[in-house]
Amino acid sequence: VFGVEGDLDAQGHEHYHQFSTYALPAT
């Protein structure tokens, strides 16, 4: 069996994230 298919899906979850922190030298 051979064929072609197209679809459209909504995503029902909130944003996701990550943080990183950096130290800057004295001035």
PDB file of all heavy atoms in Angstrom:
ATOM      1  N   VAL A   1       0.848  -1.183   0.000  1.00  0.00           N
ATOM      2  CA  VAL A   1       0.000   0.000   0.000  1.00  0.00           C
ATOM      3  C   VAL A   1       0.884   1.233   0.000  1.00  0.00           C
ATOM      4  O   VAL A   1       1.802   1.357   0.821  1.00  0.00           O
ATOM      5  CB  VAL A   1      -0.937   0.018   1.228  1.00  0.00           C
ATOM      6  CG1 VAL A   1      -1.778   1.293   1.236  1.00  0.00           C
ATOM      7  CG2 VAL A   1      -1.835  -1.207   1.236  1.00  0.00           C
ATOM      8  N   PHE A   2       0.619   2.154  -0.923  1.00  0.00           N
ATOM      9  CA  PHE A   2       1.353   3.410  -1.020  1.00  0.00           C
ATOM     10  C   PHE A   2       0.354   4.558  -0.939  1.00  0.00           C
ATOM     11  O   PHE A   2      -0.797   4.422  -1.374  1.00  0.00           O
ATOM     12  CB  PHE A   2       2.128   3.490  -2.337  1.00  0.00           C
ATOM     13  CG  PHE A   2       3.058   2.338  -2.555  1.00  0.00           C
ATOM     14  CD1 PHE A   2       2.641   1.208  -3.250  1.00  0.00           C
ATOM     15  CD2 PHE A   2       4.345   2.378  -2.057  1.00  0.00           C
ATOM     16  CE1 PHE A   2       3.497   0.133  -3.442  1.00  0.00           C
ATOM     17  CE2 PHE A   2       5.212   1.302  -2.242  1.00  0.00           C
ATOM     18  CZ  PHE A   2       4.783   0.179  -2.938  1.00  0.00           C
ATOM     19  N   GLY A   3       0.772   5.677  -0.386  1.00  0.00           N
ATOM     20  CA  GLY A   3      -0.158   6.780  -0.283  1.00  0.00           C
ATOM     21  C   GLY A   3       0.509   8.073   0.151  1.00  0.00           C
ATOM     22  O   GLY A   3       1.734   8.153   0.312  1.00  0.00           O
ATOM     23  N   VAL A   4      -0.309   9.085   0.329  1.00  0.00           N
ATOM     24  CA  VAL A   4       0.131  10.381   0.795  1.00  0.00           C
ATOM     25  C   VAL A   4      -0.877  10.875   1.829  1.00  0.00           C
ATOM     26  O   VAL A   4      -2.080  10.595   1.712  1.00  0.00           O
ATOM     27  CB  VAL A   4       0.262  11.382  -0.377  1.00  0.00           C
ATOM     28  CG1 VAL A   4      -1.069  11.607  -1.068  1.00  0.00           C
ATOM     29  CG2 VAL A   4       0.869  12.703   0.078  1.00  0.00           C
ATOM     30  N   GLU A   5      -0.384  11.582   2.860  1.00  0.00           N
ATOM     31  CA  GLU A   5      -1.268  12.052   3.926  1.00  0.00           C
ATOM     32  C   GLU A   5      -0.801  13.420   4.407  1.00  0.00           C
ATOM     33  O   GLU A   5       0.396  13.702   4.487  1.00  0.00           O
ATOM     34  CB  GLU A   5      -1.266  11.067   5.099  1.00  0.00           C
ATOM     35  CG  GLU A   5      -2.189  11.469   6.246  1.00  0.00           C
ATOM     36  CD  GLU A   5      -2.243  10.419   7.342  1.00  0.00           C
ATOM     37  OE1 GLU A   5      -2.854   9.361   7.118  1.00  0.00           O
ATOM     38  OE2 GLU A   5      -1.642  10.657   8.416  1.00  0.00           O
ATOM     39  N   GLY A   6      -1.754  14.272   4.728  1.00  0.00           N
ATOM     40  CA  GLY A   6      -1.473  15.565   5.338  1.00  0.00           C
ATOM     41  C   GLY A   6      -2.277  15.722   6.603  1.00  0.00           C
ATOM     42  O   GLY A   6      -3.392  15.191   6.717  1.00  0.00           O
ATOM     43  N   ASP A   7      -1.718  16.420   7.586  1.00  0.00           N
ATOM     44  CA  ASP A   7      -2.451  16.615   8.841  1.00  0.00           C
ATOM     45  C   ASP A   7      -2.145  17.969   9.446  1.00  0.00           C
ATOM     46  O   ASP A   7      -1.199  18.654   9.059  1.00  0.00           O
ATOM     47  CB  ASP A   7      -2.165  15.492   9.847  1.00  0.00           C
ATOM     48  CG  ASP A   7      -0.689  15.381  10.206  1.00  0.00           C
ATOM     49  OD1 ASP A   7       0.067  16.347   9.985  1.00  0.00           O
ATOM     50  OD2 ASP A   7      -0.288  14.325  10.718  1.00  0.00           O
ATOM     51  N   LEU A   8      -2.969  18.370  10.389  1.00  0.00           N
ATOM     52  CA  LEU A   8      -2.802  19.618  11.136  1.00  0.00           C
ATOM     53  C   LEU A   8      -3.201  19.353  12.572  1.00  0.00           C
ATOM     54  O   LEU A   8      -4.306  18.852  12.824  1.00  0.00           O
ATOM     55  CB  LEU A   8      -3.667  20.724  10.532  1.00  0.00           C
ATOM     56  CG  LEU A   8      -3.617  22.083  11.239  1.00  0.00           C
ATOM     57  CD1 LEU A   8      -2.226  22.704  11.115  1.00  0.00           C
ATOM     58  CD2 LEU A   8      -4.672  23.021  10.661  1.00  0.00           C
ATOM     59  N   ASP A   9      -2.311  19.665  13.530  1.00  0.00           N
ATOM     60  CA  ASP A   9      -2.559  19.378  14.935  1.00  0.00           C
ATOM     61  C   ASP A   9      -2.258  20.584  15.809  1.00  0.00           C
ATOM     62  O   ASP A   9      -1.205  21.223  15.650  1.00  0.00           O
ATOM     63  CB  ASP A   9      -1.697  18.197  15.399  1.00  0.00           C
ATOM     64  CG  ASP A   9      -2.121  16.894  14.752  1.00  0.00           C
ATOM     65  OD1 ASP A   9      -3.058  16.275  15.257  1.00  0.00           O
ATOM     66  OD2 ASP A   9      -1.519  16.509  13.726  1.00  0.00           O
ATOM     67  N   ALA A  10      -3.162  20.882  16.728  1.00  0.00           N
ATOM     68  CA  ALA A  10      -2.931  21.920  17.739  1.00  0.00           C
ATOM     69  C   ALA A  10      -2.239  21.297  18.942  1.00  0.00           C
ATOM     70  O   ALA A  10      -2.446  20.128  19.259  1.00  0.00           O
ATOM     71  CB  ALA A  10      -4.254  22.546  18.161  1.00  0.00           C
ATOM     72  N   GLN A  11      -1.409  22.092  19.625  1.00  0.00           N
ATOM     73  CA  GLN A  11      -0.686  21.623  20.798  1.00  0.00           C
ATOM     74  C   GLN A  11      -1.222  22.328  22.037  1.00  0.00           C
ATOM     75  O   GLN A  11      -1.307  23.558  22.070  1.00  0.00           O
ATOM     76  CB  GLN A  11       0.815  21.862  20.624  1.00  0.00           C
ATOM     77  CG  GLN A  11       1.387  21.030  19.481  1.00  0.00           C
ATOM     78  CD  GLN A  11       2.817  21.385  19.166  1.00  0.00           C
ATOM     79  OE1 GLN A  11       3.097  22.452  18.642  1.00  0.00           O
ATOM     80  NE2 GLN A  11       3.740  20.480  19.454  1.00  0.00           N
ATOM     81  N   GLY A  12      -1.599  21.537  23.041  1.00  0.00           N
ATOM     82  CA  GLY A  12      -2.343  22.079  24.166  1.00  0.00           C
ATOM     83  C   GLY A  12      -1.573  22.246  25.442  1.00  0.00           C
ATOM     84  O   GLY A  12      -2.135  22.112  26.521  1.00  0.00           O
ATOM     85  N   HIS A  13      -0.259  22.549  25.381  1.00  0.00           N
ATOM     86  CA  HIS A  13       0.495  22.762  26.607  1.00  0.00           C
ATOM     87  C   HIS A  13       1.127  24.141  26.632  1.00  0.00           C
ATOM     88  O   HIS A  13       1.293  24.785  25.610  1.00  0.00           O
ATOM     89  CB  HIS A  13       1.561  21.681  26.813  1.00  0.00           C
ATOM     90  CG  HIS A  13       2.210  21.222  25.549  1.00  0.00           C
ATOM     91  ND1 HIS A  13       3.176  21.936  24.908  1.00  0.00           N
ATOM     92  CD2 HIS A  13       2.005  20.110  24.806  1.00  0.00           C
ATOM     93  CE1 HIS A  13       3.559  21.292  23.832  1.00  0.00           C
ATOM     94  NE2 HIS A  13       2.861  20.186  23.731  1.00  0.00           N
ATOM     95  N   GLU A  14       1.463  24.591  27.841  1.00  0.00           N
ATOM     96  CA  GLU A  14       2.016  25.930  28.029  1.00  0.00           C
ATOM     97  C   GLU A  14       3.498  25.968  27.641  1.00  0.00           C
ATOM     98  O   GLU A  14       4.112  24.943  27.342  1.00  0.00           O
ATOM     99  CB  GLU A  14       1.840  26.368  29.479  1.00  0.00           C
ATOM    100  CG  GLU A  14       0.390  26.448  29.929  1.00  0.00           C
ATOM    101  CD  GLU A  14      -0.407  27.457  29.121  1.00  0.00           C
ATOM    102  OE1 GLU A  14       0.166  28.511  28.767  1.00  0.00           O
ATOM    103  OE2 GLU A  14      -1.587  27.191  28.829  1.00  0.00           O
ATOM    104  N   HIS A  15       4.070  27.183  27.668  1.00  0.00           N
ATOM    105  CA  HIS A  15       5.478  27.319  27.329  1.00  0.00           C
ATOM    106  C   HIS A  15       6.351  26.593  28.351  1.00  0.00           C
ATOM    107  O   HIS A  15       5.955  26.382  29.489  1.00  0.00           O
ATOM    108  CB  HIS A  15       5.875  28.799  27.225  1.00  0.00           C
ATOM    109  CG  HIS A  15       5.819  29.538  28.527  1.00  0.00           C
ATOM    110  ND1 HIS A  15       4.885  30.496  28.806  1.00  0.00           N
ATOM    111  CD2 HIS A  15       6.606  29.473  29.644  1.00  0.00           C
ATOM    112  CE1 HIS A  15       5.077  30.968  30.015  1.00  0.00           C
ATOM    113  NE2 HIS A  15       6.122  30.378  30.543  1.00  0.00           N
ATOM    114  N   TYR A  16       7.540  26.232  27.920  1.00  0.00           N
ATOM    115  CA  TYR A  16       8.516  25.628  28.828  1.00  0.00           C
ATOM    116  C   TYR A  16       9.801  26.441  28.738  1.00  0.00           C
ATOM    117  O   TYR A  16      10.004  27.205  27.790  1.00  0.00           O
ATOM    118  CB  TYR A  16       8.739  24.150  28.483  1.00  0.00           C
ATOM    119  CG  TYR A  16       9.150  23.857  27.068  1.00  0.00           C
ATOM    120  CD1 TYR A  16      10.488  23.644  26.737  1.00  0.00           C
ATOM    121  CD2 TYR A  16       8.213  23.771  26.038  1.00  0.00           C
ATOM    122  CE1 TYR A  16      10.876  23.359  25.446  1.00  0.00           C
ATOM    123  CE2 TYR A  16       8.596  23.485  24.733  1.00  0.00           C
ATOM    124  CZ  TYR A  16       9.925  23.279  24.449  1.00  0.00           C
ATOM    125  OH  TYR A  16      10.310  23.003  23.163  1.00  0.00           O
ATOM    126  N   HIS A  17      10.687  26.296  29.747  1.00  0.00           N
ATOM    127  CA  HIS A  17      11.802  27.238  29.840  1.00  0.00           C
ATOM    128  C   HIS A  17      12.987  26.647  30.605  1.00  0.00           C
ATOM    129  O   HIS A  17      12.876  25.586  31.237  1.00  0.00           O
ATOM    130  CB  HIS A  17      11.353  28.512  30.545  1.00  0.00           C
ATOM    131  CG  HIS A  17      10.850  28.270  31.947  1.00  0.00           C
ATOM    132  ND1 HIS A  17       9.551  27.960  32.210  1.00  0.00           N
ATOM    133  CD2 HIS A  17      11.490  28.282  33.136  1.00  0.00           C
ATOM    134  CE1 HIS A  17       9.402  27.791  33.513  1.00  0.00           C
ATOM    135  NE2 HIS A  17      10.575  27.984  34.093  1.00  0.00           N
ATOM    136  N   GLN A  18      14.087  27.383  30.556  1.00  0.00           N
ATOM    137  CA  GLN A  18      15.283  27.074  31.339  1.00  0.00           C
ATOM    138  C   GLN A  18      16.073  28.363  31.542  1.00  0.00           C
ATOM    139  O   GLN A  18      16.075  29.248  30.674  1.00  0.00           O
ATOM    140  CB  GLN A  18      16.141  26.024  30.636  1.00  0.00           C
ATOM    141  CG  GLN A  18      17.285  25.502  31.499  1.00  0.00           C
ATOM    142  CD  GLN A  18      18.042  24.372  30.810  1.00  0.00           C
ATOM    143  OE1 GLN A  18      18.283  24.408  29.621  1.00  0.00           O
ATOM    144  NE2 GLN A  18      18.408  23.357  31.569  1.00  0.00           N
ATOM    145  N   PHE A  19      16.747  28.475  32.705  1.00  0.00           N
ATOM    146  CA  PHE A  19      17.537  29.662  33.031  1.00  0.00           C
ATOM    147  C   PHE A  19      19.002  29.281  33.247  1.00  0.00           C
ATOM    148  O   PHE A  19      19.307  28.162  33.685  1.00  0.00           O
ATOM    149  CB  PHE A  19      17.010  30.334  34.307  1.00  0.00           C
ATOM    150  CG  PHE A  19      15.705  31.042  34.140  1.00  0.00           C
ATOM    151  CD1 PHE A  19      14.505  30.343  34.221  1.00  0.00           C
ATOM    152  CD2 PHE A  19      15.659  32.405  33.902  1.00  0.00           C
ATOM    153  CE1 PHE A  19      13.289  30.982  34.073  1.00  0.00           C
ATOM    154  CE2 PHE A  19      14.449  33.064  33.757  1.00  0.00           C
ATOM    155  CZ  PHE A  19      13.263  32.348  33.842  1.00  0.00           C
ATOM    156  N   SER A  20      19.888  30.224  32.957  1.00  0.00           N
ATOM    157  CA  SER A  20      21.312  30.071  33.293  1.00  0.00           C
ATOM    158  C   SER A  20      21.824  31.421  33.783  1.00  0.00           C
ATOM    159  O   SER A  20      21.358  32.478  33.352  1.00  0.00           O
ATOM    160  CB  SER A  20      22.117  29.601  32.081  1.00  0.00           C
ATOM    161  OG  SER A  20      21.985  30.509  31.006  1.00  0.00           O
ATOM    162  N   THR A  21      22.802  31.383  34.711  1.00  0.00           N
ATOM    163  CA  THR A  21      23.325  32.608  35.320  1.00  0.00           C
ATOM    164  C   THR A  21      24.837  32.679  35.126  1.00  0.00           C
ATOM    165  O   THR A  21      25.535  31.655  35.237  1.00  0.00           O
ATOM    166  CB  THR A  21      22.975  32.653  36.819  1.00  0.00           C
ATOM    167  OG1 THR A  21      21.554  32.617  36.966  1.00  0.00           O
ATOM    168  CG2 THR A  21      23.491  33.929  37.464  1.00  0.00           C
ATOM    169  N   TYR A  22      25.334  33.899  34.864  1.00  0.00           N
ATOM    170  CA  TYR A  22      26.752  34.111  34.567  1.00  0.00           C
ATOM    171  C   TYR A  22      27.300  35.231  35.454  1.00  0.00           C
ATOM    172  O   TYR A  22      26.601  36.209  35.737  1.00  0.00           O
ATOM    173  CB  TYR A  22      26.935  34.476  33.096  1.00  0.00           C
ATOM    174  CG  TYR A  22      26.307  33.471  32.162  1.00  0.00           C
ATOM    175  CD1 TYR A  22      24.967  33.606  31.778  1.00  0.00           C
ATOM    176  CD2 TYR A  22      27.023  32.385  31.707  1.00  0.00           C
ATOM    177  CE1 TYR A  22      24.375  32.668  30.942  1.00  0.00           C
ATOM    178  CE2 TYR A  22      26.445  31.450  30.868  1.00  0.00           C
ATOM    179  CZ  TYR A  22      25.112  31.593  30.498  1.00  0.00           C
ATOM    180  OH  TYR A  22      24.528  30.661  29.679  1.00  0.00           O
ATOM    181  N   ALA A  23      28.551  35.075  35.872  1.00  0.00           N
ATOM    182  CA  ALA A  23      29.221  36.089  36.695  1.00  0.00           C
ATOM    183  C   ALA A  23      30.101  36.965  35.800  1.00  0.00           C
ATOM    184  O   ALA A  23      30.905  36.446  35.012  1.00  0.00           O
ATOM    185  CB  ALA A  23      30.068  35.417  37.775  1.00  0.00           C
ATOM    186  N   LEU A  24      29.935  38.284  35.929  1.00  0.00           N
ATOM    187  CA  LEU A  24      30.753  39.226  35.173  1.00  0.00           C
ATOM    188  C   LEU A  24      31.815  39.819  36.092  1.00  0.00           C
ATOM    189  O   LEU A  24      31.589  40.004  37.294  1.00  0.00           O
ATOM    190  CB  LEU A  24      29.876  40.342  34.602  1.00  0.00           C
ATOM    191  CG  LEU A  24      28.706  39.903  33.710  1.00  0.00           C
ATOM    192  CD1 LEU A  24      27.989  41.122  33.141  1.00  0.00           C
ATOM    193  CD2 LEU A  24      29.187  38.996  32.590  1.00  0.00           C
ATOM    194  N   PRO A  25      32.987  40.133  35.567  1.00  0.00           N
ATOM    195  CA  PRO A  25      34.083  40.618  36.415  1.00  0.00           C
ATOM    196  C   PRO A  25      33.826  42.040  36.926  1.00  0.00           C
ATOM    197  O   PRO A  25      32.966  42.762  36.422  1.00  0.00           O
ATOM    198  CB  PRO A  25      35.296  40.575  35.481  1.00  0.00           C
ATOM    199  CG  PRO A  25      34.723  40.663  34.112  1.00  0.00           C
ATOM    200  CD  PRO A  25      33.397  39.957  34.163  1.00  0.00           C
ATOM    201  N   ALA A  26      34.606  42.419  37.922  1.00  0.00           N
ATOM    202  CA  ALA A  26      34.511  43.763  38.508  1.00  0.00           C
ATOM    203  C   ALA A  26      34.942  44.819  37.498  1.00  0.00           C
ATOM    204  O   ALA A  26      35.725  44.560  36.576  1.00  0.00           O
ATOM    205  CB  ALA A  26      35.388  43.832  39.755  1.00  0.00           C
ATOM    206  N   THR A  27      34.380  45.995  37.675  1.00  0.00           N
ATOM    207  CA  THR A  27      34.749  47.146  36.845  1.00  0.00           C
ATOM    208  C   THR A  27      35.088  48.315  37.770  1.00  0.00           C
ATOM    209  O   THR A  27      35.084  48.172  39.001  1.00  0.00           O
ATOM    210  CB  THR A  27      33.590  47.561  35.915  1.00  0.00           C
ATOM    211  OG1 THR A  27      32.544  48.154  36.698  1.00  0.00           O
ATOM    212  CG2 THR A  27      33.054  46.370  35.146  1.00  0.00           C
TER     213      THR A  27
END
